[in-house]
Amino acid sequence: MEKQRPPVTDPHRRHTAEDTTASSGSRPLSRSTVRRAHTPRAERTGDHHSHPGALPPAPGWLLRVLESVWLPVVLLLVLALLTEQVATHGPLLAVDRWVRRDTLHLVAENPYPWLDHLAEWWTDLGSSTIAIGLLVGATLAAALRARSWQPLLSATLAGAALFATVIPGKILIGRPGPEGQPVGPGDWGWFPSGHTSTASVCLGTAAWLLALGCASARLRRLLYTTTTLLCAGVGVCLIWRDYHWFLDVLAGWCLSGVILWSLIRWSPRASGR
């Protein structure tokens, strides 16, 4: 009687149960056992073919816009357009007159006098005394926490860029204010808005320096959101109190955006991004 050969186990052959499972289209089994894997490979998507696993969360669109090199380019183009229109008394100044007329109408019909007092207080955030004082305090706190002189350098660069652009622009353009105040020789004009630029650059730099050493992402978002609202409120309140034209404020925001983007992009820092 012929002897039966013992079955030969092929190490490269899959288990019968695996063949059955794969053919049936159900969840694949793990390699070392016939039990089902807790995290099947077939149900995971990877960010790379050789690195299976869950995809990391993609950055938000706002972050991509803020980091794009096109942001300062667009801001500079808008600033150049506004400057040309103001210097040549272009047709875009009709927007200023329309915004001022409607704003004065709202102010006249405002039944809450405390709004005027709030707007007056809010505009003070753009004064050199308050804005620079807040920046100095935040810079010292960031320098002591990081034990580095780099926050001092960043704040100095921000202040230098602010005064080197706003003051010459005011003197060269010499735009009269909303109430028709004349600009004498050597006086400063109203374009771009100095209070808007000072508040945005000083408070924005202060928030950035404080956020560099903040480990909580939620706290950083809260800090940036609060700072943005404060700076936007300064510009709105300047228009509400009839201290500036709308285009003055818009130019101040554009200029501040370019300064802050350049500062964050190239300024030395003592902490991570």
C-alpha atoms as a PDB file:
ATOM      1  CA  MET A   1       0.000   0.000   0.000  1.00  0.00           C
ATOM      2  CA  GLU A   2       1.459   3.348  -1.027  1.00  0.00           C
ATOM      3  CA  LYS A   3       2.183   5.752   1.808  1.00  0.00           C
ATOM      4  CA  GLN A   4       0.480   9.117   1.789  1.00  0.00           C
ATOM      5  CA  ARG A   5       2.746  12.114   1.774  1.00  0.00           C
ATOM      6  CA  PRO A   6       2.384  14.566   4.625  1.00  0.00           C
ATOM      7  CA  PRO A   7       0.877  17.881   3.572  1.00  0.00           C
ATOM      8  CA  VAL A   8       3.414  20.527   2.659  1.00  0.00           C
ATOM      9  CA  THR A   9       2.812  23.888   4.275  1.00  0.00           C
ATOM     10  CA  ASP A  10       3.566  26.756   1.980  1.00  0.00           C
ATOM     11  CA  PRO A  11       4.608  29.762   4.113  1.00  0.00           C
ATOM     12  CA  HIS A  12       3.612  32.114   1.303  1.00  0.00           C
ATOM     13  CA  ARG A  13       0.134  30.682   0.937  1.00  0.00           C
ATOM     14  CA  ARG A  14      -2.612  32.476   2.751  1.00  0.00           C
ATOM     15  CA  HIS A  15      -4.822  30.659   5.180  1.00  0.00           C
ATOM     16  CA  THR A  16      -7.975  29.158   3.807  1.00  0.00           C
ATOM     17  CA  ALA A  17     -10.021  31.327   6.099  1.00  0.00           C
ATOM     18  CA  GLU A  18      -8.266  34.381   4.733  1.00  0.00           C
ATOM     19  CA  ASP A  19      -9.007  33.291   1.161  1.00  0.00           C
ATOM     20  CA  THR A  20     -12.622  32.809   2.030  1.00  0.00           C
ATOM     21  CA  THR A  21     -12.823  36.102   3.838  1.00  0.00           C
ATOM     22  CA  ALA A  22     -11.072  38.020   1.083  1.00  0.00           C
ATOM     23  CA  SER A  23     -13.298  36.513  -1.576  1.00  0.00           C
ATOM     24  CA  SER A  24     -16.440  37.293   0.381  1.00  0.00           C
ATOM     25  CA  GLY A  25     -15.529  40.982   0.617  1.00  0.00           C
ATOM     26  CA  SER A  26     -15.684  41.201   4.420  1.00  0.00           C
ATOM     27  CA  ARG A  27     -13.134  42.715   6.772  1.00  0.00           C
ATOM     28  CA  PRO A  28      -9.628  41.203   6.337  1.00  0.00           C
ATOM     29  CA  LEU A  29      -7.981  39.167   9.070  1.00  0.00           C
ATOM     30  CA  SER A  30      -4.758  39.954  10.879  1.00  0.00           C
ATOM     31  CA  ARG A  31      -1.545  38.319   9.770  1.00  0.00           C
ATOM     32  CA  SER A  32      -0.779  36.329  12.870  1.00  0.00           C
ATOM     33  CA  THR A  33      -4.236  34.903  13.606  1.00  0.00           C
ATOM     34  CA  VAL A  34      -7.547  34.172  12.023  1.00  0.00           C
ATOM     35  CA  ARG A  35      -9.212  36.729  14.312  1.00  0.00           C
ATOM     36  CA  ARG A  36     -10.304  39.968  12.815  1.00  0.00           C
ATOM     37  CA  ALA A  37      -7.897  42.883  13.237  1.00  0.00           C
ATOM     38  CA  HIS A  38      -8.947  45.820  15.353  1.00  0.00           C
ATOM     39  CA  THR A  39      -7.742  48.310  12.772  1.00  0.00           C
ATOM     40  CA  PRO A  40      -7.979  46.625   9.362  1.00  0.00           C
ATOM     41  CA  ARG A  41      -5.654  47.884   6.720  1.00  0.00           C
ATOM     42  CA  ALA A  42      -8.393  47.877   4.141  1.00  0.00           C
ATOM     43  CA  GLU A  43     -10.372  50.491   6.052  1.00  0.00           C
ATOM     44  CA  ARG A  44      -7.528  52.932   6.726  1.00  0.00           C
ATOM     45  CA  THR A  45      -6.453  55.710   4.463  1.00  0.00           C
ATOM     46  CA  GLY A  46      -2.924  57.007   4.513  1.00  0.00           C
ATOM     47  CA  ASP A  47      -1.168  60.190   3.632  1.00  0.00           C
ATOM     48  CA  HIS A  48       1.502  58.173   1.867  1.00  0.00           C
ATOM     49  CA  HIS A  49       1.487  54.741   0.255  1.00  0.00           C
ATOM     50  CA  SER A  50       4.233  53.495   2.556  1.00  0.00           C
ATOM     51  CA  HIS A  51       2.780  55.089   5.707  1.00  0.00           C
ATOM     52  CA  PRO A  52      -0.765  53.814   6.251  1.00  0.00           C
ATOM     53  CA  GLY A  53      -2.835  55.538   8.860  1.00  0.00           C
ATOM     54  CA  ALA A  54      -5.176  58.417   9.396  1.00  0.00           C
ATOM     55  CA  LEU A  55      -4.626  61.629   7.535  1.00  0.00           C
ATOM     56  CA  PRO A  56      -3.538  64.595   9.650  1.00  0.00           C
ATOM     57  CA  PRO A  57      -5.948  67.513   9.810  1.00  0.00           C
ATOM     58  CA  ALA A  58      -5.416  69.912   6.946  1.00  0.00           C
ATOM     59  CA  PRO A  59      -4.676  73.548   7.804  1.00  0.00           C
ATOM     60  CA  GLY A  60      -7.598  75.918   7.543  1.00  0.00           C
ATOM     61  CA  TRP A  61      -8.078  78.179   4.567  1.00  0.00           C
ATOM     62  CA  LEU A  62      -7.572  81.257   6.703  1.00  0.00           C
ATOM     63  CA  LEU A  63      -4.128  80.075   7.803  1.00  0.00           C
ATOM     64  CA  ARG A  64      -3.157  79.350   4.196  1.00  0.00           C
ATOM     65  CA  VAL A  65      -4.260  82.838   3.162  1.00  0.00           C
ATOM     66  CA  LEU A  66      -2.371  84.518   5.996  1.00  0.00           C
ATOM     67  CA  GLU A  67       0.822  82.611   5.168  1.00  0.00           C
ATOM     68  CA  SER A  68       0.585  83.172   1.415  1.00  0.00           C
ATOM     69  CA  VAL A  69       3.042  85.536  -0.216  1.00  0.00           C
ATOM     70  CA  TRP A  70       0.129  86.922  -2.219  1.00  0.00           C
ATOM     71  CA  LEU A  71      -1.387  88.536   0.864  1.00  0.00           C
ATOM     72  CA  PRO A  72       1.146  91.416   1.138  1.00  0.00           C
ATOM     73  CA  VAL A  73       1.099  91.800  -2.647  1.00  0.00           C
ATOM     74  CA  VAL A  74      -2.671  92.304  -2.665  1.00  0.00           C
ATOM     75  CA  LEU A  75      -2.486  94.655   0.317  1.00  0.00           C
ATOM     76  CA  LEU A  76       0.216  96.748  -1.361  1.00  0.00           C
ATOM     77  CA  LEU A  77      -1.802  96.959  -4.571  1.00  0.00           C
ATOM     78  CA  VAL A  78      -4.872  98.136  -2.663  1.00  0.00           C
ATOM     79  CA  LEU A  79      -2.749 100.642  -0.733  1.00  0.00           C
ATOM     80  CA  ALA A  80      -1.223 101.966  -3.954  1.00  0.00           C
ATOM     81  CA  LEU A  81      -4.677 102.353  -5.507  1.00  0.00           C
ATOM     82  CA  LEU A  82      -6.015 104.215  -2.474  1.00  0.00           C
ATOM     83  CA  THR A  83      -2.974 106.490  -2.388  1.00  0.00           C
ATOM     84  CA  GLU A  84      -3.331 107.332  -6.075  1.00  0.00           C
ATOM     85  CA  GLN A  85      -7.027 108.115  -5.694  1.00  0.00           C
ATOM     86  CA  VAL A  86      -6.480 110.343  -2.673  1.00  0.00           C
ATOM     87  CA  ALA A  87      -3.533 112.175  -4.233  1.00  0.00           C
ATOM     88  CA  THR A  88      -5.335 112.824  -7.515  1.00  0.00           C
ATOM     89  CA  HIS A  89      -8.836 113.295  -6.038  1.00  0.00           C
ATOM     90  CA  GLY A  90     -10.073 110.330  -8.023  1.00  0.00           C
ATOM     91  CA  PRO A  91     -13.650 109.039  -8.314  1.00  0.00           C
ATOM     92  CA  LEU A  92     -13.094 106.520  -5.516  1.00  0.00           C
ATOM     93  CA  LEU A  93     -13.382 109.383  -3.026  1.00  0.00           C
ATOM     94  CA  ALA A  94     -17.131 109.225  -3.591  1.00  0.00           C
ATOM     95  CA  VAL A  95     -17.080 106.164  -1.340  1.00  0.00           C
ATOM     96  CA  ASP A  96     -15.688 108.346   1.438  1.00  0.00           C
ATOM     97  CA  ARG A  97     -18.481 110.867   1.067  1.00  0.00           C
ATOM     98  CA  TRP A  98     -21.145 108.159   0.947  1.00  0.00           C
ATOM     99  CA  VAL A  99     -19.819 106.383   4.066  1.00  0.00           C
ATOM    100  CA  ARG A 100     -19.511 109.664   5.988  1.00  0.00           C
ATOM    101  CA  ARG A 101     -23.011 110.802   5.051  1.00  0.00           C
ATOM    102  CA  ASP A 102     -24.617 107.542   6.170  1.00  0.00           C
ATOM    103  CA  THR A 103     -22.507 107.349   9.317  1.00  0.00           C
ATOM    104  CA  LEU A 104     -23.434 110.873  10.382  1.00  0.00           C
ATOM    105  CA  HIS A 105     -27.064 109.972   9.805  1.00  0.00           C
ATOM    106  CA  LEU A 106     -26.723 106.951  12.093  1.00  0.00           C
ATOM    107  CA  VAL A 107     -24.939 108.979  14.749  1.00  0.00           C
ATOM    108  CA  ALA A 108     -27.662 111.629  14.685  1.00  0.00           C
ATOM    109  CA  GLU A 109     -30.377 109.001  15.157  1.00  0.00           C
ATOM    110  CA  ASN A 110     -28.463 107.029  17.773  1.00  0.00           C
ATOM    111  CA  PRO A 111     -30.711 106.703  20.877  1.00  0.00           C
ATOM    112  CA  TYR A 112     -27.874 105.450  23.085  1.00  0.00           C
ATOM    113  CA  PRO A 113     -25.407 108.180  24.098  1.00  0.00           C
ATOM    114  CA  TRP A 114     -23.173 105.627  25.762  1.00  0.00           C
ATOM    115  CA  LEU A 115     -22.233 104.350  22.291  1.00  0.00           C
ATOM    116  CA  ASP A 116     -20.542 107.668  21.576  1.00  0.00           C
ATOM    117  CA  HIS A 117     -18.577 107.447  24.826  1.00  0.00           C
ATOM    118  CA  LEU A 118     -17.606 103.836  24.028  1.00  0.00           C
ATOM    119  CA  ALA A 119     -16.454 104.835  20.548  1.00  0.00           C
ATOM    120  CA  GLU A 120     -14.415 107.707  21.982  1.00  0.00           C
ATOM    121  CA  TRP A 121     -12.741 105.362  24.454  1.00  0.00           C
ATOM    122  CA  TRP A 122     -12.128 102.768  21.748  1.00  0.00           C
ATOM    123  CA  THR A 123     -10.323 105.247  19.523  1.00  0.00           C
ATOM    124  CA  ASP A 124      -7.884 105.919  22.367  1.00  0.00           C
ATOM    125  CA  LEU A 125      -6.464 102.415  21.835  1.00  0.00           C
ATOM    126  CA  GLY A 126      -4.821 103.856  18.726  1.00  0.00           C
ATOM    127  CA  SER A 127      -3.051 106.640  20.565  1.00  0.00           C
ATOM    128  CA  SER A 128       0.713 106.345  20.861  1.00  0.00           C
ATOM    129  CA  THR A 129       0.601 106.403  24.655  1.00  0.00           C
ATOM    130  CA  ILE A 130      -1.730 103.429  25.074  1.00  0.00           C
ATOM    131  CA  ALA A 131      -0.754 101.325  22.045  1.00  0.00           C
ATOM    132  CA  ILE A 132       2.995 101.659  22.564  1.00  0.00           C
ATOM    133  CA  GLY A 133       2.555 101.105  26.297  1.00  0.00           C
ATOM    134  CA  LEU A 134       0.748  97.815  25.659  1.00  0.00           C
ATOM    135  CA  LEU A 135       3.437  96.783  23.187  1.00  0.00           C
ATOM    136  CA  VAL A 136       6.230  97.554  25.673  1.00  0.00           C
ATOM    137  CA  GLY A 137       4.503  95.545  28.397  1.00  0.00           C
ATOM    138  CA  ALA A 138       3.948  92.524  26.132  1.00  0.00           C
ATOM    139  CA  THR A 139       7.517  92.725  24.819  1.00  0.00           C
ATOM    140  CA  LEU A 140       9.035  92.721  28.285  1.00  0.00           C
ATOM    141  CA  ALA A 141       6.834  89.807  29.342  1.00  0.00           C
ATOM    142  CA  ALA A 142       7.835  87.812  26.235  1.00  0.00           C
ATOM    143  CA  ALA A 143      11.532  88.621  26.706  1.00  0.00           C
ATOM    144  CA  LEU A 144      11.508  87.568  30.356  1.00  0.00           C
ATOM    145  CA  ARG A 145       9.639  84.379  29.618  1.00  0.00           C
ATOM    146  CA  ALA A 146      11.920  83.420  26.712  1.00  0.00           C
ATOM    147  CA  ARG A 147      15.056  84.851  28.374  1.00  0.00           C
ATOM    148  CA  SER A 148      16.038  86.364  25.058  1.00  0.00           C
ATOM    149  CA  TRP A 149      16.514  89.791  23.516  1.00  0.00           C
ATOM    150  CA  GLN A 150      14.754  88.782  20.302  1.00  0.00           C
ATOM    151  CA  PRO A 151      11.268  90.015  21.363  1.00  0.00           C
ATOM    152  CA  LEU A 152      12.846  93.430  21.975  1.00  0.00           C
ATOM    153  CA  LEU A 153      14.304  93.414  18.480  1.00  0.00           C
ATOM    154  CA  SER A 154      10.980  92.377  16.925  1.00  0.00           C
ATOM    155  CA  ALA A 155       9.087  95.126  18.724  1.00  0.00           C
ATOM    156  CA  THR A 156      11.701  97.689  17.713  1.00  0.00           C
ATOM    157  CA  LEU A 157      11.476  96.645  14.060  1.00  0.00           C
ATOM    158  CA  ALA A 158       7.673  96.893  14.157  1.00  0.00           C
ATOM    159  CA  GLY A 159       7.777 100.383  15.672  1.00  0.00           C
ATOM    160  CA  ALA A 160      10.417 101.560  13.219  1.00  0.00           C
ATOM    161  CA  ALA A 161       8.450 100.273  10.225  1.00  0.00           C
ATOM    162  CA  LEU A 162       5.313 101.973  11.545  1.00  0.00           C
ATOM    163  CA  PHE A 163       6.775 105.430  11.997  1.00  0.00           C
ATOM    164  CA  ALA A 164       8.895 105.204   8.844  1.00  0.00           C
ATOM    165  CA  THR A 165       5.803 104.702   6.667  1.00  0.00           C
ATOM    166  CA  VAL A 166       2.848 106.434   8.334  1.00  0.00           C
ATOM    167  CA  ILE A 167       4.415 109.801   9.147  1.00  0.00           C
ATOM    168  CA  PRO A 168       6.045 110.379   5.711  1.00  0.00           C
ATOM    169  CA  GLY A 169       2.792 109.357   4.043  1.00  0.00           C
ATOM    170  CA  LYS A 170       0.802 111.844   6.085  1.00  0.00           C
ATOM    171  CA  ILE A 171       3.242 114.645   5.302  1.00  0.00           C
ATOM    172  CA  LEU A 172       3.603 113.941   1.569  1.00  0.00           C
ATOM    173  CA  ILE A 173      -0.087 113.424   0.811  1.00  0.00           C
ATOM    174  CA  GLY A 174      -1.444 116.002   3.249  1.00  0.00           C
ATOM    175  CA  ARG A 175      -5.093 115.034   2.964  1.00  0.00           C
ATOM    176  CA  PRO A 176      -7.609 117.231   4.829  1.00  0.00           C
ATOM    177  CA  GLY A 177      -9.818 115.651   7.462  1.00  0.00           C
ATOM    178  CA  PRO A 178     -13.551 114.898   7.179  1.00  0.00           C
ATOM    179  CA  GLU A 179     -14.491 118.287   8.653  1.00  0.00           C
ATOM    180  CA  GLY A 180     -12.313 120.082   6.108  1.00  0.00           C
ATOM    181  CA  GLN A 181      -9.488 120.953   8.459  1.00  0.00           C
ATOM    182  CA  PRO A 182      -6.713 122.547   6.387  1.00  0.00           C
ATOM    183  CA  VAL A 183      -3.239 121.035   6.408  1.00  0.00           C
ATOM    184  CA  GLY A 184      -0.580 123.667   6.814  1.00  0.00           C
ATOM    185  CA  PRO A 185       3.020 123.414   5.609  1.00  0.00           C
ATOM    186  CA  GLY A 186       4.845 120.743   7.603  1.00  0.00           C
ATOM    187  CA  ASP A 187       1.628 119.512   9.229  1.00  0.00           C
ATOM    188  CA  TRP A 188       0.477 115.936   9.099  1.00  0.00           C
ATOM    189  CA  GLY A 189      -2.476 114.969   6.960  1.00  0.00           C
ATOM    190  CA  TRP A 190      -5.152 112.365   7.623  1.00  0.00           C
ATOM    191  CA  PHE A 191      -4.027 109.700   5.133  1.00  0.00           C
ATOM    192  CA  PRO A 192      -3.273 106.983   6.150  1.00  0.00           C
ATOM    193  CA  SER A 193      -4.945 106.818   9.542  1.00  0.00           C
ATOM    194  CA  GLY A 194      -2.266 106.989  12.223  1.00  0.00           C
ATOM    195  CA  HIS A 195      -4.516 105.697  15.010  1.00  0.00           C
ATOM    196  CA  THR A 196      -5.581 102.711  12.894  1.00  0.00           C
ATOM    197  CA  SER A 197      -1.996 101.839  11.935  1.00  0.00           C
ATOM    198  CA  THR A 198      -0.628 102.351  15.443  1.00  0.00           C
ATOM    199  CA  ALA A 199      -3.290 100.177  17.060  1.00  0.00           C
ATOM    200  CA  SER A 200      -2.992  97.402  14.465  1.00  0.00           C
ATOM    201  CA  VAL A 201       0.808  97.223  14.432  1.00  0.00           C
ATOM    202  CA  CYS A 202       1.377  97.619  18.181  1.00  0.00           C
ATOM    203  CA  LEU A 203      -1.442  95.369  19.371  1.00  0.00           C
ATOM    204  CA  GLY A 204      -0.805  92.843  16.603  1.00  0.00           C
ATOM    205  CA  THR A 205       2.883  92.625  17.452  1.00  0.00           C
ATOM    206  CA  ALA A 206       2.084  92.329  21.155  1.00  0.00           C
ATOM    207  CA  ALA A 207      -0.368  89.489  20.519  1.00  0.00           C
ATOM    208  CA  TRP A 208       2.126  87.667  18.306  1.00  0.00           C
ATOM    209  CA  LEU A 209       4.925  87.919  20.884  1.00  0.00           C
ATOM    210  CA  LEU A 210       2.673  86.645  23.657  1.00  0.00           C
ATOM    211  CA  ALA A 211       1.335  83.813  21.499  1.00  0.00           C
ATOM    212  CA  LEU A 212       4.833  82.526  20.653  1.00  0.00           C
ATOM    213  CA  GLY A 213       5.231  81.111  24.147  1.00  0.00           C
ATOM    214  CA  CYS A 214       1.615  80.012  24.574  1.00  0.00           C
ATOM    215  CA  ALA A 215       1.196  76.228  24.486  1.00  0.00           C
ATOM    216  CA  SER A 216      -2.609  76.250  24.253  1.00  0.00           C
ATOM    217  CA  ALA A 217      -3.953  76.532  20.711  1.00  0.00           C
ATOM    218  CA  ARG A 218      -7.330  77.627  22.052  1.00  0.00           C
ATOM    219  CA  LEU A 219      -5.738  80.447  24.026  1.00  0.00           C
ATOM    220  CA  ARG A 220      -3.775  81.570  20.978  1.00  0.00           C
ATOM    221  CA  ARG A 221      -6.938  81.693  18.871  1.00  0.00           C
ATOM    222  CA  LEU A 222      -8.683  83.674  21.594  1.00  0.00           C
ATOM    223  CA  LEU A 223      -5.766  86.101  21.769  1.00  0.00           C
ATOM    224  CA  TYR A 224      -5.660  86.643  18.009  1.00  0.00           C
ATOM    225  CA  THR A 225      -9.431  86.973  17.713  1.00  0.00           C
ATOM    226  CA  THR A 226      -9.629  89.520  20.527  1.00  0.00           C
ATOM    227  CA  THR A 227      -6.772  91.547  19.053  1.00  0.00           C
ATOM    228  CA  THR A 228      -8.375  91.537  15.604  1.00  0.00           C
ATOM    229  CA  LEU A 229     -11.681  92.766  17.008  1.00  0.00           C
ATOM    230  CA  LEU A 230      -9.972  95.514  18.998  1.00  0.00           C
ATOM    231  CA  CYS A 231      -8.015  96.764  15.988  1.00  0.00           C
ATOM    232  CA  ALA A 232     -11.045  96.618  13.706  1.00  0.00           C
ATOM    233  CA  GLY A 233     -13.059  98.481  16.329  1.00  0.00           C
ATOM    234  CA  VAL A 234     -10.526 101.313  16.400  1.00  0.00           C
ATOM    235  CA  GLY A 235     -11.010 101.956  12.689  1.00  0.00           C
ATOM    236  CA  VAL A 236     -14.792 101.734  12.876  1.00  0.00           C
ATOM    237  CA  CYS A 237     -14.943 104.082  15.857  1.00  0.00           C
ATOM    238  CA  LEU A 238     -12.706 106.615  14.106  1.00  0.00           C
ATOM    239  CA  ILE A 239     -15.262 106.780  11.307  1.00  0.00           C
ATOM    240  CA  TRP A 240     -18.141 106.870  13.792  1.00  0.00           C
ATOM    241  CA  ARG A 241     -16.605 109.844  15.617  1.00  0.00           C
ATOM    242  CA  ASP A 242     -15.904 111.595  12.281  1.00  0.00           C
ATOM    243  CA  TYR A 243     -12.168 111.665  12.921  1.00  0.00           C
ATOM    244  CA  HIS A 244     -11.182 109.966   9.652  1.00  0.00           C
ATOM    245  CA  TRP A 245     -12.409 109.153   6.202  1.00  0.00           C
ATOM    246  CA  PHE A 246     -13.144 105.519   5.371  1.00  0.00           C
ATOM    247  CA  LEU A 247     -10.256 105.292   2.894  1.00  0.00           C
ATOM    248  CA  ASP A 248      -7.882 106.602   5.582  1.00  0.00           C
ATOM    249  CA  VAL A 249      -8.810 103.692   7.818  1.00  0.00           C
ATOM    250  CA  LEU A 250      -8.694 101.155   4.979  1.00  0.00           C
ATOM    251  CA  ALA A 251      -5.204 102.337   4.016  1.00  0.00           C
ATOM    252  CA  GLY A 252      -4.099 102.005   7.650  1.00  0.00           C
ATOM    253  CA  TRP A 253      -5.313  98.411   7.736  1.00  0.00           C
ATOM    254  CA  CYS A 254      -3.514  97.551   4.482  1.00  0.00           C
ATOM    255  CA  LEU A 255      -0.265  99.113   5.661  1.00  0.00           C
ATOM    256  CA  SER A 256      -0.482  97.372   9.027  1.00  0.00           C
ATOM    257  CA  GLY A 257      -1.133  94.027   7.351  1.00  0.00           C
ATOM    258  CA  VAL A 258       2.024  94.340   5.269  1.00  0.00           C
ATOM    259  CA  ILE A 259       4.108  95.325   8.310  1.00  0.00           C
ATOM    260  CA  LEU A 260       2.790  92.482  10.469  1.00  0.00           C
ATOM    261  CA  TRP A 261       3.135  89.896   7.689  1.00  0.00           C
ATOM    262  CA  SER A 262       6.748  90.937   7.072  1.00  0.00           C
ATOM    263  CA  LEU A 263       7.508  90.972  10.792  1.00  0.00           C
ATOM    264  CA  ILE A 264       6.140  87.496  11.411  1.00  0.00           C
ATOM    265  CA  ARG A 265       7.760  86.142   8.255  1.00  0.00           C
ATOM    266  CA  TRP A 266      11.308  87.433   8.725  1.00  0.00           C
ATOM    267  CA  SER A 267      11.741  88.682  12.268  1.00  0.00           C
ATOM    268  CA  PRO A 268      13.978  86.588  14.570  1.00  0.00           C
ATOM    269  CA  ARG A 269      12.079  84.830  17.284  1.00  0.00           C
ATOM    270  CA  ALA A 270      12.970  83.127  20.521  1.00  0.00           C
ATOM    271  CA  SER A 271      10.242  80.517  20.354  1.00  0.00           C
ATOM    272  CA  GLY A 272       8.764  78.208  17.740  1.00  0.00           C
ATOM    273  CA  ARG A 273       6.316  79.204  15.075  1.00  0.00           C
END
